[in-house]
PDB file of N, CA and C in Angstrom:
ATOM      1  N   UNK A   1     -35.560   2.939 -33.385  1.00  0.00           N
ATOM      2  CA  UNK A   1     -36.681   3.763 -33.007  1.00  0.00           C
ATOM      3  C   UNK A   1     -36.147   5.048 -32.396  1.00  0.00           C
ATOM      4  N   UNK A   2     -36.666   6.161 -32.826  1.00  0.00           N
ATOM      5  CA  UNK A   2     -36.236   7.462 -32.341  1.00  0.00           C
ATOM      6  C   UNK A   2     -37.299   8.002 -31.395  1.00  0.00           C
ATOM      7  N   UNK A   3     -36.863   8.434 -30.233  1.00  0.00           N
ATOM      8  CA  UNK A   3     -37.775   9.012 -29.256  1.00  0.00           C
ATOM      9  C   UNK A   3     -37.494  10.507 -29.201  1.00  0.00           C
ATOM     10  N   UNK A   4     -38.489  11.295 -29.544  1.00  0.00           N
ATOM     11  CA  UNK A   4     -38.331  12.742 -29.544  1.00  0.00           C
ATOM     12  C   UNK A   4     -38.764  13.271 -28.179  1.00  0.00           C
ATOM     13  N   UNK A   5     -37.819  13.742 -27.403  1.00  0.00           N
ATOM     14  CA  UNK A   5     -38.138  14.260 -26.081  1.00  0.00           C
ATOM     15  C   UNK A   5     -38.478  15.737 -26.105  1.00  0.00           C
ATOM     16  N   UNK A   6     -38.225  16.401 -27.209  1.00  0.00           N
ATOM     17  CA  UNK A   6     -38.473  17.837 -27.279  1.00  0.00           C
ATOM     18  C   UNK A   6     -39.903  18.169 -27.684  1.00  0.00           C
ATOM     19  N   UNK A   7     -40.709  17.179 -28.037  1.00  0.00           N
ATOM     20  CA  UNK A   7     -42.088  17.429 -28.441  1.00  0.00           C
ATOM     21  C   UNK A   7     -42.920  17.652 -27.175  1.00  0.00           C
ATOM     22  N   UNK A   8     -43.553  18.804 -27.027  1.00  0.00           N
ATOM     23  CA  UNK A   8     -44.327  19.055 -25.806  1.00  0.00           C
ATOM     24  C   UNK A   8     -45.598  18.213 -25.780  1.00  0.00           C
ATOM     25  N   UNK A   9     -46.068  17.952 -24.567  1.00  0.00           N
ATOM     26  CA  UNK A   9     -47.318  17.203 -24.406  1.00  0.00           C
ATOM     27  C   UNK A   9     -48.489  18.126 -24.729  1.00  0.00           C
ATOM     28  N   UNK A  10     -49.593  17.532 -25.080  1.00  0.00           N
ATOM     29  CA  UNK A  10     -50.773  18.329 -25.408  1.00  0.00           C
ATOM     30  C   UNK A  10     -51.356  18.966 -24.162  1.00  0.00           C
ATOM     31  N   UNK A  11     -51.919  20.123 -24.340  1.00  0.00           N
ATOM     32  CA  UNK A  11     -52.578  20.799 -23.239  1.00  0.00           C
ATOM     33  C   UNK A  11     -53.905  20.098 -22.963  1.00  0.00           C
ATOM     34  N   UNK A  12     -54.352  20.096 -21.700  1.00  0.00           N
ATOM     35  CA  UNK A  12     -55.655  19.484 -21.417  1.00  0.00           C
ATOM     36  C   UNK A  12     -56.768  20.274 -22.093  1.00  0.00           C
ATOM     37  N   UNK A  13     -57.752  19.557 -22.597  1.00  0.00           N
ATOM     38  CA  UNK A  13     -58.858  20.215 -23.295  1.00  0.00           C
ATOM     39  C   UNK A  13     -59.756  20.941 -22.307  1.00  0.00           C
ATOM     40  N   UNK A  14     -60.306  22.063 -22.740  1.00  0.00           N
ATOM     41  CA  UNK A  14     -61.234  22.817 -21.908  1.00  0.00           C
ATOM     42  C   UNK A  14     -62.595  22.133 -21.957  1.00  0.00           C
ATOM     43  N   UNK A  15     -63.364  22.205 -20.860  1.00  0.00           N
ATOM     44  CA  UNK A  15     -64.682  21.565 -20.866  1.00  0.00           C
ATOM     45  C   UNK A  15     -65.637  22.271 -21.829  1.00  0.00           C
ATOM     46  N   UNK A  16     -66.505  21.482 -22.464  1.00  0.00           N
ATOM     47  CA  UNK A  16     -67.482  22.073 -23.373  1.00  0.00           C
ATOM     48  C   UNK A  16     -68.684  22.594 -22.570  1.00  0.00           C
ATOM     49  N   UNK A  17     -69.686  23.117 -23.260  1.00  0.00           N
ATOM     50  CA  UNK A  17     -70.823  23.751 -22.590  1.00  0.00           C
ATOM     51  C   UNK A  17     -71.582  22.753 -21.716  1.00  0.00           C
ATOM     52  N   UNK A  18     -71.773  21.543 -22.194  1.00  0.00           N
ATOM     53  CA  UNK A  18     -72.516  20.532 -21.435  1.00  0.00           C
ATOM     54  C   UNK A  18     -71.762  20.183 -20.152  1.00  0.00           C
ATOM     55  N   UNK A  19     -70.447  20.045 -20.243  1.00  0.00           N
ATOM     56  CA  UNK A  19     -69.645  19.707 -19.068  1.00  0.00           C
ATOM     57  C   UNK A  19     -69.631  20.857 -18.058  1.00  0.00           C
ATOM     58  N   UNK A  20     -69.572  22.102 -18.567  1.00  0.00           N
ATOM     59  CA  UNK A  20     -69.602  23.249 -17.666  1.00  0.00           C
ATOM     60  C   UNK A  20     -70.940  23.335 -16.936  1.00  0.00           C
ATOM     61  N   UNK A  21     -72.055  23.075 -17.645  1.00  0.00           N
ATOM     62  CA  UNK A  21     -73.384  23.107 -17.025  1.00  0.00           C
ATOM     63  C   UNK A  21     -73.504  22.002 -15.981  1.00  0.00           C
ATOM     64  N   UNK A  22     -72.969  20.838 -16.281  1.00  0.00           N
ATOM     65  CA  UNK A  22     -73.035  19.715 -15.354  1.00  0.00           C
ATOM     66  C   UNK A  22     -72.226  20.030 -14.089  1.00  0.00           C
ATOM     67  N   UNK A  23     -71.059  20.632 -14.250  1.00  0.00           N
ATOM     68  CA  UNK A  23     -70.224  20.986 -13.097  1.00  0.00           C
ATOM     69  C   UNK A  23     -70.915  22.058 -12.246  1.00  0.00           C
ATOM     70  N   UNK A  24     -71.560  23.016 -12.901  1.00  0.00           N
ATOM     71  CA  UNK A  24     -72.267  24.072 -12.159  1.00  0.00           C
ATOM     72  C   UNK A  24     -73.433  23.497 -11.366  1.00  0.00           C
ATOM     73  N   UNK A  25     -74.184  22.566 -11.967  1.00  0.00           N
ATOM     74  CA  UNK A  25     -75.312  21.967 -11.242  1.00  0.00           C
ATOM     75  C   UNK A  25     -74.809  21.134 -10.069  1.00  0.00           C
ATOM     76  N   UNK A  26     -73.681  20.514 -10.235  1.00  0.00           N
ATOM     77  CA  UNK A  26     -73.107  19.719  -9.149  1.00  0.00           C
ATOM     78  C   UNK A  26     -72.671  20.636  -7.992  1.00  0.00           C
ATOM     79  N   UNK A  27     -72.086  21.760  -8.325  1.00  0.00           N
ATOM     80  CA  UNK A  27     -71.690  22.701  -7.287  1.00  0.00           C
ATOM     81  C   UNK A  27     -72.908  23.250  -6.542  1.00  0.00           C
ATOM     82  N   UNK A  28     -74.023  23.506  -7.256  1.00  0.00           N
ATOM     83  CA  UNK A  28     -75.259  23.975  -6.609  1.00  0.00           C
ATOM     84  C   UNK A  28     -75.786  22.937  -5.638  1.00  0.00           C
ATOM     85  N   UNK A  29     -75.722  21.655  -6.029  1.00  0.00           N
ATOM     86  CA  UNK A  29     -76.174  20.589  -5.131  1.00  0.00           C
ATOM     87  C   UNK A  29     -75.304  20.529  -3.876  1.00  0.00           C
ATOM     88  N   UNK A  30     -74.000  20.654  -4.050  1.00  0.00           N
ATOM     89  CA  UNK A  30     -73.108  20.613  -2.898  1.00  0.00           C
ATOM     90  C   UNK A  30     -73.363  21.772  -1.958  1.00  0.00           C
ATOM     91  N   UNK A  31     -73.617  22.973  -2.517  1.00  0.00           N
ATOM     92  CA  UNK A  31     -73.901  24.130  -1.686  1.00  0.00           C
ATOM     93  C   UNK A  31     -75.262  24.012  -1.003  1.00  0.00           C
ATOM     94  N   UNK A  32     -76.235  23.410  -1.695  1.00  0.00           N
ATOM     95  CA  UNK A  32     -77.578  23.265  -1.143  1.00  0.00           C
ATOM     96  C   UNK A  32     -77.563  22.378   0.092  1.00  0.00           C
ATOM     97  N   UNK A  33     -76.815  21.277   0.030  1.00  0.00           N
ATOM     98  CA  UNK A  33     -76.781  20.332   1.142  1.00  0.00           C
ATOM     99  C   UNK A  33     -75.579  20.554   2.058  1.00  0.00           C
ATOM    100  N   UNK A  34     -74.860  21.661   1.872  1.00  0.00           N
ATOM    101  CA  UNK A  34     -73.742  22.048   2.715  1.00  0.00           C
ATOM    102  C   UNK A  34     -72.704  20.922   2.829  1.00  0.00           C
ATOM    103  N   UNK A  35     -72.321  20.389   1.686  1.00  0.00           N
ATOM    104  CA  UNK A  35     -71.297  19.343   1.646  1.00  0.00           C
ATOM    105  C   UNK A  35     -69.973  20.003   1.309  1.00  0.00           C
ATOM    106  N   UNK A  36     -69.007  19.752   2.165  1.00  0.00           N
ATOM    107  CA  UNK A  36     -67.685  20.306   1.920  1.00  0.00           C
ATOM    108  C   UNK A  36     -66.817  19.223   1.263  1.00  0.00           C
ATOM    109  N   UNK A  37     -66.033  19.607   0.292  1.00  0.00           N
ATOM    110  CA  UNK A  37     -65.185  18.597  -0.354  1.00  0.00           C
ATOM    111  C   UNK A  37     -64.150  18.054   0.629  1.00  0.00           C
ATOM    112  N   UNK A  38     -63.920  16.764   0.528  1.00  0.00           N
ATOM    113  CA  UNK A  38     -62.945  16.120   1.401  1.00  0.00           C
ATOM    114  C   UNK A  38     -61.540  16.456   0.951  1.00  0.00           C
ATOM    115  N   UNK A  39     -60.690  16.705   1.925  1.00  0.00           N
ATOM    116  CA  UNK A  39     -59.293  16.950   1.610  1.00  0.00           C
ATOM    117  C   UNK A  39     -58.563  15.617   1.642  1.00  0.00           C
ATOM    118  N   UNK A  40     -57.772  15.399   0.648  1.00  0.00           N
ATOM    119  CA  UNK A  40     -57.009  14.165   0.590  1.00  0.00           C
ATOM    120  C   UNK A  40     -55.831  14.276   1.553  1.00  0.00           C
ATOM    121  N   UNK A  41     -55.720  13.291   2.413  1.00  0.00           N
ATOM    122  CA  UNK A  41     -54.620  13.265   3.360  1.00  0.00           C
ATOM    123  C   UNK A  41     -53.574  12.315   2.801  1.00  0.00           C
ATOM    124  N   UNK A  42     -52.428  12.874   2.539  1.00  0.00           N
ATOM    125  CA  UNK A  42     -51.341  12.071   1.999  1.00  0.00           C
ATOM    126  C   UNK A  42     -50.381  11.751   3.132  1.00  0.00           C
ATOM    127  N   UNK A  43     -50.230  10.470   3.410  1.00  0.00           N
ATOM    128  CA  UNK A  43     -49.312  10.071   4.464  1.00  0.00           C
ATOM    129  C   UNK A  43     -47.932   9.869   3.863  1.00  0.00           C
ATOM    130  N   UNK A  44     -46.970  10.506   4.458  1.00  0.00           N
ATOM    131  CA  UNK A  44     -45.607  10.353   3.989  1.00  0.00           C
ATOM    132  C   UNK A  44     -45.042   9.065   4.575  1.00  0.00           C
ATOM    133  N   UNK A  45     -44.299   8.330   3.776  1.00  0.00           N
ATOM    134  CA  UNK A  45     -43.714   7.111   4.322  1.00  0.00           C
ATOM    135  C   UNK A  45     -42.659   7.462   5.372  1.00  0.00           C
ATOM    136  N   UNK A  46     -42.665   6.686   6.425  1.00  0.00           N
ATOM    137  CA  UNK A  46     -41.698   6.961   7.482  1.00  0.00           C
ATOM    138  C   UNK A  46     -40.314   6.502   7.045  1.00  0.00           C
ATOM    139  N   UNK A  47     -39.330   7.230   7.472  1.00  0.00           N
ATOM    140  CA  UNK A  47     -37.962   6.902   7.098  1.00  0.00           C
ATOM    141  C   UNK A  47     -37.346   5.906   8.063  1.00  0.00           C
ATOM    142  N   UNK A  48     -38.034   5.618   9.136  1.00  0.00           N
ATOM    143  CA  UNK A  48     -37.520   4.672  10.116  1.00  0.00           C
ATOM    144  C   UNK A  48     -37.866   3.273   9.641  1.00  0.00           C
ATOM    145  N   UNK A  49     -36.842   2.461   9.482  1.00  0.00           N
ATOM    146  CA  UNK A  49     -37.049   1.084   9.052  1.00  0.00           C
ATOM    147  C   UNK A  49     -37.060   0.218  10.296  1.00  0.00           C
ATOM    148  N   UNK A  50     -38.189  -0.400  10.532  1.00  0.00           N
ATOM    149  CA  UNK A  50     -38.272  -1.257  11.713  1.00  0.00           C
ATOM    150  C   UNK A  50     -37.929  -2.684  11.324  1.00  0.00           C
ATOM    151  N   UNK A  51     -37.289  -3.359  12.213  1.00  0.00           N
ATOM    152  CA  UNK A  51     -36.934  -4.754  11.968  1.00  0.00           C
ATOM    153  C   UNK A  51     -38.052  -5.693  12.374  1.00  0.00           C
ATOM    154  N   UNK A  52     -39.045  -5.153  13.051  1.00  0.00           N
ATOM    155  CA  UNK A  52     -40.180  -5.976  13.464  1.00  0.00           C
ATOM    156  C   UNK A  52     -41.186  -6.024  12.326  1.00  0.00           C
ATOM    157  N   UNK A  53     -41.329  -7.178  11.737  1.00  0.00           N
ATOM    158  CA  UNK A  53     -42.278  -7.344  10.650  1.00  0.00           C
ATOM    159  C   UNK A  53     -43.619  -7.782  11.221  1.00  0.00           C
ATOM    160  N   UNK A  54     -44.712  -7.285  10.658  1.00  0.00           N
ATOM    161  CA  UNK A  54     -46.010  -7.725  11.174  1.00  0.00           C
ATOM    162  C   UNK A  54     -46.223  -9.205  10.869  1.00  0.00           C
ATOM    163  N   UNK A  55     -46.832  -9.861  11.786  1.00  0.00           N
ATOM    164  CA  UNK A  55     -47.083 -11.286  11.616  1.00  0.00           C
ATOM    165  C   UNK A  55     -48.339 -11.473  10.776  1.00  0.00           C
ATOM    166  N   UNK A  56     -48.297 -12.414   9.885  1.00  0.00           N
ATOM    167  CA  UNK A  56     -49.434 -12.714   9.027  1.00  0.00           C
ATOM    168  C   UNK A  56     -50.284 -13.754   9.725  1.00  0.00           C
ATOM    169  N   UNK A  57     -51.548 -13.445   9.902  1.00  0.00           N
ATOM    170  CA  UNK A  57     -52.463 -14.381  10.544  1.00  0.00           C
ATOM    171  C   UNK A  57     -53.324 -14.999   9.460  1.00  0.00           C
ATOM    172  N   UNK A  58     -53.267 -16.309   9.342  1.00  0.00           N
ATOM    173  CA  UNK A  58     -54.013 -17.026   8.317  1.00  0.00           C
ATOM    174  C   UNK A  58     -55.182 -17.745   8.987  1.00  0.00           C
ATOM    175  N   UNK A  59     -56.320 -17.651   8.358  1.00  0.00           N
ATOM    176  CA  UNK A  59     -57.506 -18.318   8.861  1.00  0.00           C
ATOM    177  C   UNK A  59     -57.273 -19.828   8.872  1.00  0.00           C
ATOM    178  N   UNK A  60     -57.533 -20.523   9.982  1.00  0.00           N
ATOM    179  CA  UNK A  60     -57.270 -21.967  10.039  1.00  0.00           C
ATOM    180  C   UNK A  60     -58.083 -22.772   9.021  1.00  0.00           C
ATOM    181  N   UNK A  61     -59.213 -22.249   8.592  1.00  0.00           N
ATOM    182  CA  UNK A  61     -60.011 -22.996   7.616  1.00  0.00           C
ATOM    183  C   UNK A  61     -59.354 -23.003   6.239  1.00  0.00           C
ATOM    184  N   UNK A  62     -58.383 -22.101   6.021  1.00  0.00           N
ATOM    185  CA  UNK A  62     -57.696 -22.050   4.732  1.00  0.00           C
ATOM    186  C   UNK A  62     -56.451 -22.926   4.718  1.00  0.00           C
ATOM    187  N   UNK A  63     -56.139 -23.543   5.815  1.00  0.00           N
ATOM    188  CA  UNK A  63     -54.942 -24.351   5.923  1.00  0.00           C
ATOM    189  C   UNK A  63     -55.091 -25.637   5.108  1.00  0.00           C
ATOM    190  N   UNK A  64     -54.004 -26.058   4.463  1.00  0.00           N
ATOM    191  CA  UNK A  64     -54.049 -27.297   3.665  1.00  0.00           C
ATOM    192  C   UNK A  64     -53.076 -28.330   4.211  1.00  0.00           C
ATOM    193  N   UNK A  65     -52.834 -28.305   5.517  1.00  0.00           N
ATOM    194  CA  UNK A  65     -51.884 -29.238   6.103  1.00  0.00           C
ATOM    195  C   UNK A  65     -52.428 -30.671   6.103  1.00  0.00           C
ATOM    196  N   UNK A  66     -53.720 -30.842   5.941  1.00  0.00           N
ATOM    197  CA  UNK A  66     -54.288 -32.185   5.949  1.00  0.00           C
ATOM    198  C   UNK A  66     -54.159 -32.884   4.594  1.00  0.00           C
ATOM    199  N   UNK A  67     -53.705 -32.159   3.558  1.00  0.00           N
ATOM    200  CA  UNK A  67     -53.545 -32.760   2.240  1.00  0.00           C
ATOM    201  C   UNK A  67     -52.103 -33.227   2.110  1.00  0.00           C
ATOM    202  N   UNK A  68     -51.867 -34.551   2.010  1.00  0.00           N
ATOM    203  CA  UNK A  68     -50.491 -35.029   1.944  1.00  0.00           C
ATOM    204  C   UNK A  68     -49.869 -34.779   0.575  1.00  0.00           C
ATOM    205  N   UNK A  69     -48.560 -34.672   0.558  1.00  0.00           N
ATOM    206  CA  UNK A  69     -47.833 -34.520  -0.694  1.00  0.00           C
ATOM    207  C   UNK A  69     -47.744 -35.863  -1.402  1.00  0.00           C
ATOM    208  N   UNK A  70     -47.558 -35.826  -2.718  1.00  0.00           N
ATOM    209  CA  UNK A  70     -47.429 -37.046  -3.500  1.00  0.00           C
ATOM    210  C   UNK A  70     -46.063 -37.656  -3.224  1.00  0.00           C
ATOM    211  N   UNK A  71     -46.069 -38.936  -2.825  1.00  0.00           N
ATOM    212  CA  UNK A  71     -44.817 -39.638  -2.545  1.00  0.00           C
ATOM    213  C   UNK A  71     -44.601 -40.657  -3.652  1.00  0.00           C
ATOM    214  N   UNK A  72     -43.717 -40.346  -4.583  1.00  0.00           N
ATOM    215  CA  UNK A  72     -43.481 -41.267  -5.686  1.00  0.00           C
ATOM    216  C   UNK A  72     -42.516 -42.372  -5.297  1.00  0.00           C
ATOM    217  N   UNK A  73     -41.663 -42.129  -4.335  1.00  0.00           N
ATOM    218  CA  UNK A  73     -40.664 -43.069  -3.814  1.00  0.00           C
ATOM    219  C   UNK A  73     -39.868 -43.749  -4.923  1.00  0.00           C
ATOM    220  N   UNK A  74     -39.773 -43.104  -6.078  1.00  0.00           N
ATOM    221  CA  UNK A  74     -39.025 -43.684  -7.182  1.00  0.00           C
ATOM    222  C   UNK A  74     -37.556 -43.300  -7.108  1.00  0.00           C
ATOM    223  N   UNK A  75     -37.228 -42.306  -6.336  1.00  0.00           N
ATOM    224  CA  UNK A  75     -35.843 -41.875  -6.225  1.00  0.00           C
ATOM    225  C   UNK A  75     -35.469 -40.938  -7.348  1.00  0.00           C
ATOM    226  N   UNK A  76     -34.162 -40.761  -7.548  1.00  0.00           N
ATOM    227  CA  UNK A  76     -33.676 -39.860  -8.582  1.00  0.00           C
ATOM    228  C   UNK A  76     -33.554 -40.555  -9.925  1.00  0.00           C
ATOM    229  N   UNK A  77     -33.140 -39.829 -10.908  1.00  0.00           N
ATOM    230  CA  UNK A  77     -32.935 -40.414 -12.239  1.00  0.00           C
ATOM    231  C   UNK A  77     -31.480 -40.831 -12.377  1.00  0.00           C
ATOM    232  N   UNK A  78     -31.212 -41.877 -13.141  1.00  0.00           N
ATOM    233  CA  UNK A  78     -29.824 -42.310 -13.299  1.00  0.00           C
ATOM    234  C   UNK A  78     -29.029 -41.324 -14.150  1.00  0.00           C
ATOM    235  N   UNK A  79     -27.724 -41.323 -13.945  1.00  0.00           N
ATOM    236  CA  UNK A  79     -26.860 -40.433 -14.695  1.00  0.00           C
ATOM    237  C   UNK A  79     -26.757 -40.905 -16.140  1.00  0.00           C
ATOM    238  N   UNK A  80     -26.781 -39.937 -17.072  1.00  0.00           N
ATOM    239  CA  UNK A  80     -26.712 -40.265 -18.488  1.00  0.00           C
ATOM    240  C   UNK A  80     -25.318 -40.786 -18.826  1.00  0.00           C
ATOM    241  N   UNK A  81     -25.280 -41.848 -19.617  1.00  0.00           N
ATOM    242  CA  UNK A  81     -24.001 -42.440 -20.011  1.00  0.00           C
ATOM    243  C   UNK A  81     -23.253 -41.488 -20.939  1.00  0.00           C
ATOM    244  N   UNK A  82     -21.943 -41.451 -20.819  1.00  0.00           N
ATOM    245  CA  UNK A  82     -21.124 -40.577 -21.647  1.00  0.00           C
ATOM    246  C   UNK A  82     -21.115 -41.122 -23.070  1.00  0.00           C
ATOM    247  N   UNK A  83     -21.400 -40.241 -24.045  1.00  0.00           N
ATOM    248  CA  UNK A  83     -21.428 -40.665 -25.447  1.00  0.00           C
ATOM    249  C   UNK A  83     -20.005 -40.643 -25.994  1.00  0.00           C
ATOM    250  N   UNK A  84     -19.569 -41.810 -26.501  1.00  0.00           N
ATOM    251  CA  UNK A  84     -18.204 -41.910 -27.007  1.00  0.00           C
ATOM    252  C   UNK A  84     -18.206 -42.874 -28.174  1.00  0.00           C
ATOM    253  N   UNK A  85     -17.537 -42.475 -29.250  1.00  0.00           N
ATOM    254  CA  UNK A  85     -17.467 -43.301 -30.449  1.00  0.00           C
ATOM    255  C   UNK A  85     -16.445 -44.411 -30.214  1.00  0.00           C
ATOM    256  N   UNK A  86     -16.870 -45.654 -30.443  1.00  0.00           N
ATOM    257  CA  UNK A  86     -15.975 -46.797 -30.187  1.00  0.00           C
ATOM    258  C   UNK A  86     -15.678 -47.589 -31.454  1.00  0.00           C
ATOM    259  N   UNK A  87     -16.176 -47.139 -32.605  1.00  0.00           N
ATOM    260  CA  UNK A  87     -15.958 -47.886 -33.846  1.00  0.00           C
ATOM    261  C   UNK A  87     -14.624 -47.532 -34.497  1.00  0.00           C
ATOM    262  N   UNK A  88     -14.393 -48.142 -35.679  1.00  0.00           N
ATOM    263  CA  UNK A  88     -13.139 -47.879 -36.380  1.00  0.00           C
ATOM    264  C   UNK A  88     -13.372 -47.316 -37.779  1.00  0.00           C
ATOM    265  N   UNK A  89     -14.630 -46.920 -38.107  1.00  0.00           N
ATOM    266  CA  UNK A  89     -14.933 -46.396 -39.440  1.00  0.00           C
ATOM    267  C   UNK A  89     -14.547 -44.927 -39.577  1.00  0.00           C
ATOM    268  N   UNK A  90     -14.486 -44.220 -38.485  1.00  0.00           N
ATOM    269  CA  UNK A  90     -14.197 -42.791 -38.546  1.00  0.00           C
ATOM    270  C   UNK A  90     -12.684 -42.570 -38.601  1.00  0.00           C
ATOM    271  N   UNK A  91     -12.272 -41.730 -39.569  1.00  0.00           N
ATOM    272  CA  UNK A  91     -10.851 -41.433 -39.730  1.00  0.00           C
ATOM    273  C   UNK A  91     -10.429 -40.339 -38.748  1.00  0.00           C
ATOM    274  N   UNK A  92     -11.251 -39.326 -38.614  1.00  0.00           N
ATOM    275  CA  UNK A  92     -10.899 -38.213 -37.735  1.00  0.00           C
ATOM    276  C   UNK A  92     -12.030 -37.219 -37.632  1.00  0.00           C
ATOM    277  N   UNK A  93     -11.712 -36.062 -37.101  1.00  0.00           N
ATOM    278  CA  UNK A  93     -12.708 -34.998 -36.911  1.00  0.00           C
ATOM    279  C   UNK A  93     -12.225 -33.763 -37.656  1.00  0.00           C
ATOM    280  N   UNK A  94     -13.087 -33.245 -38.553  1.00  0.00           N
ATOM    281  CA  UNK A  94     -12.764 -32.032 -39.289  1.00  0.00           C
ATOM    282  C   UNK A  94     -13.476 -30.840 -38.676  1.00  0.00           C
ATOM    283  N   UNK A  95     -13.019 -29.645 -39.022  1.00  0.00           N
ATOM    284  CA  UNK A  95     -13.616 -28.432 -38.479  1.00  0.00           C
ATOM    285  C   UNK A  95     -13.973 -27.503 -39.631  1.00  0.00           C
ATOM    286  N   UNK A  96     -15.278 -27.256 -39.795  1.00  0.00           N
ATOM    287  CA  UNK A  96     -15.726 -26.383 -40.873  1.00  0.00           C
ATOM    288  C   UNK A  96     -15.591 -24.912 -40.488  1.00  0.00           C
ATOM    289  N   UNK A  97     -16.162 -24.543 -39.354  1.00  0.00           N
ATOM    290  CA  UNK A  97     -16.159 -23.131 -38.960  1.00  0.00           C
ATOM    291  C   UNK A  97     -16.197 -23.052 -37.445  1.00  0.00           C
ATOM    292  N   UNK A  98     -15.252 -22.370 -36.877  1.00  0.00           N
ATOM    293  CA  UNK A  98     -15.147 -22.152 -35.433  1.00  0.00           C
ATOM    294  C   UNK A  98     -15.282 -23.467 -34.679  1.00  0.00           C
ATOM    295  N   UNK A  99     -16.347 -23.683 -33.943  1.00  0.00           N
ATOM    296  CA  UNK A  99     -16.452 -24.884 -33.118  1.00  0.00           C
ATOM    297  C   UNK A  99     -17.364 -25.935 -33.753  1.00  0.00           C
ATOM    298  N   UNK A 100     -17.471 -25.961 -35.063  1.00  0.00           N
ATOM    299  CA  UNK A 100     -18.316 -26.920 -35.753  1.00  0.00           C
ATOM    300  C   UNK A 100     -17.487 -28.158 -36.101  1.00  0.00           C
ATOM    301  N   UNK A 101     -17.505 -29.153 -35.228  1.00  0.00           N
ATOM    302  CA  UNK A 101     -16.742 -30.383 -35.448  1.00  0.00           C
ATOM    303  C   UNK A 101     -17.568 -31.342 -36.294  1.00  0.00           C
ATOM    304  N   UNK A 102     -16.932 -31.910 -37.327  1.00  0.00           N
ATOM    305  CA  UNK A 102     -17.606 -32.808 -38.260  1.00  0.00           C
ATOM    306  C   UNK A 102     -16.814 -34.114 -38.328  1.00  0.00           C
ATOM    307  N   UNK A 103     -17.484 -35.263 -38.175  1.00  0.00           N
ATOM    308  CA  UNK A 103     -16.745 -36.526 -38.290  1.00  0.00           C
ATOM    309  C   UNK A 103     -16.349 -36.801 -39.745  1.00  0.00           C
ATOM    310  N   UNK A 104     -15.172 -37.354 -39.944  1.00  0.00           N
ATOM    311  CA  UNK A 104     -14.675 -37.684 -41.287  1.00  0.00           C
ATOM    312  C   UNK A 104     -14.550 -39.208 -41.378  1.00  0.00           C
ATOM    313  N   UNK A 105     -15.256 -39.784 -42.369  1.00  0.00           N
ATOM    314  CA  UNK A 105     -15.246 -41.232 -42.540  1.00  0.00           C
ATOM    315  C   UNK A 105     -14.403 -41.662 -43.740  1.00  0.00           C
ATOM    316  N   UNK A 106     -14.264 -40.806 -44.745  1.00  0.00           N
ATOM    317  CA  UNK A 106     -13.461 -41.154 -45.925  1.00  0.00           C
ATOM    318  C   UNK A 106     -12.517 -40.010 -46.253  1.00  0.00           C
ATOM    319  N   UNK A 107     -11.543 -40.293 -47.113  1.00  0.00           N
ATOM    320  CA  UNK A 107     -10.602 -39.262 -47.536  1.00  0.00           C
ATOM    321  C   UNK A 107     -11.311 -38.194 -48.365  1.00  0.00           C
ATOM    322  N   UNK A 108     -12.372 -38.599 -49.109  1.00  0.00           N
ATOM    323  CA  UNK A 108     -13.141 -37.635 -49.898  1.00  0.00           C
ATOM    324  C   UNK A 108     -13.824 -36.607 -48.997  1.00  0.00           C
ATOM    325  N   UNK A 109     -14.324 -37.070 -47.845  1.00  0.00           N
ATOM    326  CA  UNK A 109     -14.949 -36.134 -46.903  1.00  0.00           C
ATOM    327  C   UNK A 109     -13.939 -35.087 -46.439  1.00  0.00           C
ATOM    328  N   UNK A 110     -12.723 -35.525 -46.171  1.00  0.00           N
ATOM    329  CA  UNK A 110     -11.683 -34.597 -45.721  1.00  0.00           C
ATOM    330  C   UNK A 110     -11.370 -33.574 -46.800  1.00  0.00           C
ATOM    331  N   UNK A 111     -11.290 -34.024 -48.059  1.00  0.00           N
ATOM    332  CA  UNK A 111     -11.009 -33.107 -49.163  1.00  0.00           C
ATOM    333  C   UNK A 111     -12.157 -32.121 -49.347  1.00  0.00           C
ATOM    334  N   UNK A 112     -13.394 -32.625 -49.268  1.00  0.00           N
ATOM    335  CA  UNK A 112     -14.564 -31.742 -49.406  1.00  0.00           C
ATOM    336  C   UNK A 112     -14.596 -30.677 -48.312  1.00  0.00           C
ATOM    337  N   UNK A 113     -14.311 -31.092 -47.098  1.00  0.00           N
ATOM    338  CA  UNK A 113     -14.319 -30.127 -45.988  1.00  0.00           C
ATOM    339  C   UNK A 113     -13.229 -29.081 -46.193  1.00  0.00           C
ATOM    340  N   UNK A 114     -12.065 -29.501 -46.639  1.00  0.00           N
ATOM    341  CA  UNK A 114     -10.988 -28.526 -46.837  1.00  0.00           C
ATOM    342  C   UNK A 114     -11.324 -27.549 -47.954  1.00  0.00           C
ATOM    343  N   UNK A 115     -12.008 -28.008 -49.004  1.00  0.00           N
ATOM    344  CA  UNK A 115     -12.402 -27.105 -50.090  1.00  0.00           C
ATOM    345  C   UNK A 115     -13.523 -26.159 -49.656  1.00  0.00           C
ATOM    346  N   UNK A 116     -14.416 -26.622 -48.780  1.00  0.00           N
ATOM    347  CA  UNK A 116     -15.497 -25.766 -48.303  1.00  0.00           C
ATOM    348  C   UNK A 116     -14.955 -24.629 -47.468  1.00  0.00           C
ATOM    349  N   UNK A 117     -13.917 -24.884 -46.714  1.00  0.00           N
ATOM    350  CA  UNK A 117     -13.360 -23.839 -45.840  1.00  0.00           C
ATOM    351  C   UNK A 117     -12.635 -22.774 -46.650  1.00  0.00           C
ATOM    352  N   UNK A 118     -12.039 -23.166 -47.731  1.00  0.00           N
ATOM    353  CA  UNK A 118     -11.225 -22.210 -48.496  1.00  0.00           C
ATOM    354  C   UNK A 118     -11.984 -21.553 -49.633  1.00  0.00           C
ATOM    355  N   UNK A 119     -13.206 -21.953 -49.838  1.00  0.00           N
ATOM    356  CA  UNK A 119     -13.969 -21.282 -50.876  1.00  0.00           C
ATOM    357  C   UNK A 119     -14.161 -22.182 -52.014  1.00  0.00           C
TER     358      UNK A 119
END
């Protein structure tokens, strides 16, 4: 995806006749009732970092301390047994590609795996 940063943003559209008339009537109303527009007061964040954090006060009726937690008392789960081949049918382990270990049960399997690796 290509992001073009050189493309300028569009200019804001000028108000049409209806919007201009509406704005003029609004200004007449403000002048009639002597309403002055409010100035927005922007508070700058203080650069002083206080270590005193305000305490959070929670309404006691919102407290859930009377609801007990579920006690299963079953304990933890047992450790999974280690998987290990204990039979004698497997001849060995072949490797097809990188870390792909394949069990070999017959000599034909070994030959097939060796031919697959070489093409």
